[in-house]
């Protein structure tokens, strides 16, 4: 195992096709923090989420979908970030997560053994709270381990500066804490699996 291979791979998945969205900025903050903590990172967000609707009877995968599935298969930890659309996870993010079914026959089926940090962004606390609960329930269903810290970001208040820096101390604390939990767990699992 090379020095680079020892670093866990953390995948950020989520956001919207609207640039720059709150959820996209939140993922960027988390992935920068993961890199600062010594992880390798990759992102599936924005236009990457514009993939065909998941159809269980169709095994055809385009280039974007194949890349996403490969990254999901390789990742040691995952950070999910979804906008709250009408009190639930956006269709783009849910569709992407439906493709985790492609990992069902893997040795590490679905998201088994992976920590998943969940972030919900909404124009109010109620929508963000419901969406966070949905993300955590989906993670459980996919055999992932939701981190103890989940983040609810209320986009009705200013959260980010123009350059993408988080300017809200509570949001920053939530994102940094859940990222540290994902990276720590992923690093421990990677070491255990290497034995």
C-alpha atoms as a PDB file:
ATOM      1  CA  UNK A   1       0.000   0.000   0.000  1.00  0.00           C
ATOM      2  CA  UNK A   2       1.500   3.336  -1.044  1.00  0.00           C
ATOM      3  CA  UNK A   3       1.347   6.467   1.070  1.00  0.00           C
ATOM      4  CA  UNK A   4      -1.463   7.835  -1.119  1.00  0.00           C
ATOM      5  CA  UNK A   5      -3.391   4.544  -0.888  1.00  0.00           C
ATOM      6  CA  UNK A   6      -3.363   4.814   2.904  1.00  0.00           C
ATOM      7  CA  UNK A   7      -5.350   8.034   2.697  1.00  0.00           C
ATOM      8  CA  UNK A   8      -9.096   7.414   2.779  1.00  0.00           C
ATOM      9  CA  UNK A   9     -11.170   8.539  -0.192  1.00  0.00           C
ATOM     10  CA  UNK A  10     -14.082  10.764   0.826  1.00  0.00           C
ATOM     11  CA  UNK A  11     -16.766  11.324  -1.787  1.00  0.00           C
ATOM     12  CA  UNK A  12     -19.019  14.358  -1.684  1.00  0.00           C
ATOM     13  CA  UNK A  13     -22.350  13.779  -3.413  1.00  0.00           C
ATOM     14  CA  UNK A  14     -25.149  16.290  -3.778  1.00  0.00           C
ATOM     15  CA  UNK A  15     -26.020  19.820  -4.605  1.00  0.00           C
ATOM     16  CA  UNK A  16     -28.119  21.173  -7.426  1.00  0.00           C
ATOM     17  CA  UNK A  17     -27.584  22.067 -11.060  1.00  0.00           C
ATOM     18  CA  UNK A  18     -27.817  25.746 -10.058  1.00  0.00           C
ATOM     19  CA  UNK A  19     -24.380  27.243  -9.499  1.00  0.00           C
ATOM     20  CA  UNK A  20     -23.429  28.289  -6.898  1.00  0.00           C
ATOM     21  CA  UNK A  21     -26.046  26.657  -4.691  1.00  0.00           C
ATOM     22  CA  UNK A  22     -25.894  26.515  -0.894  1.00  0.00           C
ATOM     23  CA  UNK A  23     -25.619  22.737  -1.006  1.00  0.00           C
ATOM     24  CA  UNK A  24     -22.786  22.857  -3.550  1.00  0.00           C
ATOM     25  CA  UNK A  25     -20.887  25.352  -1.413  1.00  0.00           C
ATOM     26  CA  UNK A  26     -21.444  23.230   1.698  1.00  0.00           C
ATOM     27  CA  UNK A  27     -19.989  20.173  -0.043  1.00  0.00           C
ATOM     28  CA  UNK A  28     -16.968  22.192  -1.145  1.00  0.00           C
ATOM     29  CA  UNK A  29     -16.337  23.364   2.433  1.00  0.00           C
ATOM     30  CA  UNK A  30     -16.546  19.773   3.701  1.00  0.00           C
ATOM     31  CA  UNK A  31     -14.231  18.373   1.045  1.00  0.00           C
ATOM     32  CA  UNK A  32     -11.636  21.094   1.684  1.00  0.00           C
ATOM     33  CA  UNK A  33     -11.807  20.183   5.381  1.00  0.00           C
ATOM     34  CA  UNK A  34     -11.441  16.475   4.556  1.00  0.00           C
ATOM     35  CA  UNK A  35      -8.302  17.237   2.540  1.00  0.00           C
ATOM     36  CA  UNK A  36      -6.937  19.315   5.441  1.00  0.00           C
ATOM     37  CA  UNK A  37      -7.501  16.246   7.638  1.00  0.00           C
ATOM     38  CA  UNK A  38      -5.439  14.099   5.271  1.00  0.00           C
ATOM     39  CA  UNK A  39      -8.059  12.491   3.041  1.00  0.00           C
ATOM     40  CA  UNK A  40      -8.292  12.260  -0.725  1.00  0.00           C
ATOM     41  CA  UNK A  41     -11.549  13.673  -2.084  1.00  0.00           C
ATOM     42  CA  UNK A  42     -13.827  13.524  -5.097  1.00  0.00           C
ATOM     43  CA  UNK A  43     -17.125  15.226  -5.833  1.00  0.00           C
ATOM     44  CA  UNK A  44     -20.285  14.320  -7.697  1.00  0.00           C
ATOM     45  CA  UNK A  45     -22.316  17.504  -7.744  1.00  0.00           C
ATOM     46  CA  UNK A  46     -23.986  20.098  -9.899  1.00  0.00           C
ATOM     47  CA  UNK A  47     -24.125  19.013 -13.528  1.00  0.00           C
ATOM     48  CA  UNK A  48     -22.757  15.560 -12.540  1.00  0.00           C
ATOM     49  CA  UNK A  49     -26.179  14.828 -11.043  1.00  0.00           C
ATOM     50  CA  UNK A  50     -27.929  15.333 -14.379  1.00  0.00           C
ATOM     51  CA  UNK A  51     -27.989  11.616 -15.149  1.00  0.00           C
ATOM     52  CA  UNK A  52     -30.720   9.333 -16.504  1.00  0.00           C
ATOM     53  CA  UNK A  53     -33.505   8.317 -14.140  1.00  0.00           C
ATOM     54  CA  UNK A  54     -32.657   5.084 -12.372  1.00  0.00           C
ATOM     55  CA  UNK A  55     -34.480   2.180 -14.003  1.00  0.00           C
ATOM     56  CA  UNK A  56     -33.935  -1.180 -12.298  1.00  0.00           C
ATOM     57  CA  UNK A  57     -34.595  -3.032 -15.556  1.00  0.00           C
ATOM     58  CA  UNK A  58     -31.987  -1.110 -17.559  1.00  0.00           C
ATOM     59  CA  UNK A  59     -28.325  -1.883 -16.896  1.00  0.00           C
ATOM     60  CA  UNK A  60     -27.042   0.657 -19.446  1.00  0.00           C
ATOM     61  CA  UNK A  61     -24.861   3.324 -17.839  1.00  0.00           C
ATOM     62  CA  UNK A  62     -23.587   6.498 -19.472  1.00  0.00           C
ATOM     63  CA  UNK A  63     -20.110   7.899 -18.733  1.00  0.00           C
ATOM     64  CA  UNK A  64     -21.271  10.228 -15.921  1.00  0.00           C
ATOM     65  CA  UNK A  65     -23.290   7.519 -14.198  1.00  0.00           C
ATOM     66  CA  UNK A  66     -20.455   4.984 -14.511  1.00  0.00           C
ATOM     67  CA  UNK A  67     -18.011   7.478 -12.969  1.00  0.00           C
ATOM     68  CA  UNK A  68     -20.385   8.091 -10.054  1.00  0.00           C
ATOM     69  CA  UNK A  69     -20.872   4.364  -9.436  1.00  0.00           C
ATOM     70  CA  UNK A  70     -17.104   3.762  -9.565  1.00  0.00           C
ATOM     71  CA  UNK A  71     -16.506   6.523  -7.008  1.00  0.00           C
ATOM     72  CA  UNK A  72     -19.262   5.185  -4.750  1.00  0.00           C
ATOM     73  CA  UNK A  73     -17.660   1.752  -4.965  1.00  0.00           C
ATOM     74  CA  UNK A  74     -14.167   3.081  -4.144  1.00  0.00           C
ATOM     75  CA  UNK A  75     -14.994   5.599  -1.425  1.00  0.00           C
ATOM     76  CA  UNK A  76     -14.199   4.980   2.218  1.00  0.00           C
ATOM     77  CA  UNK A  77     -16.618   7.645   3.427  1.00  0.00           C
ATOM     78  CA  UNK A  78     -19.376   9.745   1.966  1.00  0.00           C
ATOM     79  CA  UNK A  79     -20.743  13.222   2.554  1.00  0.00           C
ATOM     80  CA  UNK A  80     -24.292  13.665   1.264  1.00  0.00           C
ATOM     81  CA  UNK A  81     -25.744  17.123   0.817  1.00  0.00           C
ATOM     82  CA  UNK A  82     -29.287  17.667  -0.394  1.00  0.00           C
ATOM     83  CA  UNK A  83     -31.444  20.714  -0.803  1.00  0.00           C
ATOM     84  CA  UNK A  84     -34.827  20.456   0.877  1.00  0.00           C
ATOM     85  CA  UNK A  85     -37.434  20.332  -1.857  1.00  0.00           C
ATOM     86  CA  UNK A  86     -40.931  20.421  -0.400  1.00  0.00           C
ATOM     87  CA  UNK A  87     -39.809  18.824   2.844  1.00  0.00           C
ATOM     88  CA  UNK A  88     -37.766  16.010   1.340  1.00  0.00           C
ATOM     89  CA  UNK A  89     -34.602  15.127  -0.582  1.00  0.00           C
ATOM     90  CA  UNK A  90     -34.367  16.598  -4.086  1.00  0.00           C
ATOM     91  CA  UNK A  91     -35.079  14.286  -6.989  1.00  0.00           C
ATOM     92  CA  UNK A  92     -31.537  14.707  -8.353  1.00  0.00           C
ATOM     93  CA  UNK A  93     -29.929  13.477  -5.140  1.00  0.00           C
ATOM     94  CA  UNK A  94     -32.451  10.677  -4.608  1.00  0.00           C
ATOM     95  CA  UNK A  95     -31.974   9.484  -8.189  1.00  0.00           C
ATOM     96  CA  UNK A  96     -28.183   9.390  -7.688  1.00  0.00           C
ATOM     97  CA  UNK A  97     -28.625   7.363  -4.491  1.00  0.00           C
ATOM     98  CA  UNK A  98     -30.910   4.899  -6.267  1.00  0.00           C
ATOM     99  CA  UNK A  99     -27.893   3.879  -8.366  1.00  0.00           C
ATOM    100  CA  UNK A 100     -26.238   2.518  -5.200  1.00  0.00           C
ATOM    101  CA  UNK A 101     -28.290  -0.566  -6.083  1.00  0.00           C
ATOM    102  CA  UNK A 102     -25.477  -1.323  -8.559  1.00  0.00           C
ATOM    103  CA  UNK A 103     -23.300  -2.118  -5.523  1.00  0.00           C
ATOM    104  CA  UNK A 104     -25.736  -4.694  -4.118  1.00  0.00           C
ATOM    105  CA  UNK A 105     -23.644  -7.696  -5.214  1.00  0.00           C
ATOM    106  CA  UNK A 106     -20.297  -6.199  -4.157  1.00  0.00           C
ATOM    107  CA  UNK A 107     -18.285  -7.694  -1.293  1.00  0.00           C
ATOM    108  CA  UNK A 108     -18.981  -4.386   0.468  1.00  0.00           C
ATOM    109  CA  UNK A 109     -22.647  -4.235  -0.535  1.00  0.00           C
ATOM    110  CA  UNK A 110     -24.345  -0.869  -0.891  1.00  0.00           C
ATOM    111  CA  UNK A 111     -22.650   1.563   1.574  1.00  0.00           C
ATOM    112  CA  UNK A 112     -21.749  -1.137   4.081  1.00  0.00           C
ATOM    113  CA  UNK A 113     -18.980  -0.156   6.474  1.00  0.00           C
ATOM    114  CA  UNK A 114     -18.868   3.461   5.399  1.00  0.00           C
ATOM    115  CA  UNK A 115     -19.536   6.535   7.500  1.00  0.00           C
ATOM    116  CA  UNK A 116     -21.934   8.960   5.853  1.00  0.00           C
ATOM    117  CA  UNK A 117     -22.179  12.604   6.875  1.00  0.00           C
ATOM    118  CA  UNK A 118     -25.584  14.072   6.012  1.00  0.00           C
ATOM    119  CA  UNK A 119     -26.257  17.747   5.285  1.00  0.00           C
ATOM    120  CA  UNK A 120     -29.647  19.261   4.503  1.00  0.00           C
ATOM    121  CA  UNK A 121     -30.032  22.778   3.148  1.00  0.00           C
ATOM    122  CA  UNK A 122     -33.388  24.532   3.269  1.00  0.00           C
ATOM    123  CA  UNK A 123     -34.969  27.944   3.261  1.00  0.00           C
ATOM    124  CA  UNK A 124     -36.104  27.302   6.842  1.00  0.00           C
ATOM    125  CA  UNK A 125     -35.539  24.933   9.751  1.00  0.00           C
ATOM    126  CA  UNK A 126     -38.583  22.730   9.212  1.00  0.00           C
ATOM    127  CA  UNK A 127     -37.682  21.684   5.661  1.00  0.00           C
ATOM    128  CA  UNK A 128     -34.016  21.193   6.575  1.00  0.00           C
ATOM    129  CA  UNK A 129     -34.928  19.061   9.591  1.00  0.00           C
ATOM    130  CA  UNK A 130     -37.221  16.771   7.604  1.00  0.00           C
ATOM    131  CA  UNK A 131     -34.669  16.420   4.815  1.00  0.00           C
ATOM    132  CA  UNK A 132     -31.882  15.565   7.245  1.00  0.00           C
ATOM    133  CA  UNK A 133     -34.087  12.821   8.721  1.00  0.00           C
ATOM    134  CA  UNK A 134     -34.725  11.473   5.220  1.00  0.00           C
ATOM    135  CA  UNK A 135     -31.004  11.431   4.360  1.00  0.00           C
ATOM    136  CA  UNK A 136     -30.239   9.545   7.558  1.00  0.00           C
ATOM    137  CA  UNK A 137     -33.044   7.025   6.883  1.00  0.00           C
ATOM    138  CA  UNK A 138     -31.796   6.459   3.323  1.00  0.00           C
ATOM    139  CA  UNK A 139     -28.251   5.963   4.666  1.00  0.00           C
ATOM    140  CA  UNK A 140     -29.512   3.316   7.115  1.00  0.00           C
ATOM    141  CA  UNK A 141     -31.405   1.575   4.305  1.00  0.00           C
ATOM    142  CA  UNK A 142     -28.209   1.454   2.249  1.00  0.00           C
ATOM    143  CA  UNK A 143     -26.282  -0.058   5.212  1.00  0.00           C
ATOM    144  CA  UNK A 144     -24.219   3.083   5.758  1.00  0.00           C
ATOM    145  CA  UNK A 145     -23.421   4.529   9.166  1.00  0.00           C
ATOM    146  CA  UNK A 146     -24.738   8.085   9.568  1.00  0.00           C
ATOM    147  CA  UNK A 147     -22.316  10.180  11.595  1.00  0.00           C
ATOM    148  CA  UNK A 148     -23.535  11.329  15.011  1.00  0.00           C
ATOM    149  CA  UNK A 149     -23.367  14.923  13.737  1.00  0.00           C
ATOM    150  CA  UNK A 150     -25.710  15.853  10.923  1.00  0.00           C
ATOM    151  CA  UNK A 151     -25.915  19.388   9.553  1.00  0.00           C
ATOM    152  CA  UNK A 152     -28.970  21.547   8.960  1.00  0.00           C
ATOM    153  CA  UNK A 153     -28.207  24.714   7.029  1.00  0.00           C
ATOM    154  CA  UNK A 154     -30.862  27.413   6.907  1.00  0.00           C
ATOM    155  CA  UNK A 155     -30.252  29.209   3.619  1.00  0.00           C
ATOM    156  CA  UNK A 156     -32.659  32.012   4.497  1.00  0.00           C
ATOM    157  CA  UNK A 157     -29.731  33.564   6.399  1.00  0.00           C
ATOM    158  CA  UNK A 158     -26.327  34.395   4.841  1.00  0.00           C
ATOM    159  CA  UNK A 159     -24.075  31.339   5.155  1.00  0.00           C
ATOM    160  CA  UNK A 160     -21.301  31.859   2.609  1.00  0.00           C
ATOM    161  CA  UNK A 161     -19.186  34.723   1.324  1.00  0.00           C
ATOM    162  CA  UNK A 162     -18.804  35.279  -2.426  1.00  0.00           C
ATOM    163  CA  UNK A 163     -15.628  33.166  -2.444  1.00  0.00           C
ATOM    164  CA  UNK A 164     -17.470  30.209  -0.866  1.00  0.00           C
ATOM    165  CA  UNK A 165     -16.059  30.673   2.646  1.00  0.00           C
ATOM    166  CA  UNK A 166     -18.549  29.833   5.371  1.00  0.00           C
ATOM    167  CA  UNK A 167     -19.395  32.946   7.392  1.00  0.00           C
ATOM    168  CA  UNK A 168     -21.889  31.339   9.798  1.00  0.00           C
ATOM    169  CA  UNK A 169     -20.156  29.868  12.875  1.00  0.00           C
ATOM    170  CA  UNK A 170     -22.893  27.321  13.619  1.00  0.00           C
ATOM    171  CA  UNK A 171     -22.945  26.015  10.029  1.00  0.00           C
ATOM    172  CA  UNK A 172     -19.149  25.876   9.953  1.00  0.00           C
ATOM    173  CA  UNK A 173     -19.052  23.924  13.234  1.00  0.00           C
ATOM    174  CA  UNK A 174     -21.621  21.407  11.972  1.00  0.00           C
ATOM    175  CA  UNK A 175     -19.847  20.843   8.659  1.00  0.00           C
ATOM    176  CA  UNK A 176     -16.370  20.560  10.159  1.00  0.00           C
ATOM    177  CA  UNK A 177     -17.550  18.208  12.908  1.00  0.00           C
ATOM    178  CA  UNK A 178     -19.369  15.798  10.595  1.00  0.00           C
ATOM    179  CA  UNK A 179     -16.449  15.863   8.141  1.00  0.00           C
ATOM    180  CA  UNK A 180     -13.991  14.984  10.918  1.00  0.00           C
ATOM    181  CA  UNK A 181     -16.258  12.108  11.959  1.00  0.00           C
ATOM    182  CA  UNK A 182     -16.420  10.753   8.387  1.00  0.00           C
ATOM    183  CA  UNK A 183     -12.638  11.039   7.891  1.00  0.00           C
ATOM    184  CA  UNK A 184     -11.787   9.526  11.299  1.00  0.00           C
ATOM    185  CA  UNK A 185     -14.098   6.559  10.791  1.00  0.00           C
ATOM    186  CA  UNK A 186     -12.913   6.010   7.211  1.00  0.00           C
ATOM    187  CA  UNK A 187      -9.257   6.057   8.291  1.00  0.00           C
ATOM    188  CA  UNK A 188      -9.918   3.549  11.090  1.00  0.00           C
ATOM    189  CA  UNK A 189     -11.800   1.209   8.740  1.00  0.00           C
ATOM    190  CA  UNK A 190      -9.075   1.477   6.107  1.00  0.00           C
ATOM    191  CA  UNK A 191      -6.404   0.507   8.637  1.00  0.00           C
ATOM    192  CA  UNK A 192      -8.498  -2.374   9.969  1.00  0.00           C
ATOM    193  CA  UNK A 193      -9.173  -3.688   6.452  1.00  0.00           C
ATOM    194  CA  UNK A 194      -5.447  -3.526   5.605  1.00  0.00           C
ATOM    195  CA  UNK A 195      -4.573  -5.993   8.390  1.00  0.00           C
END
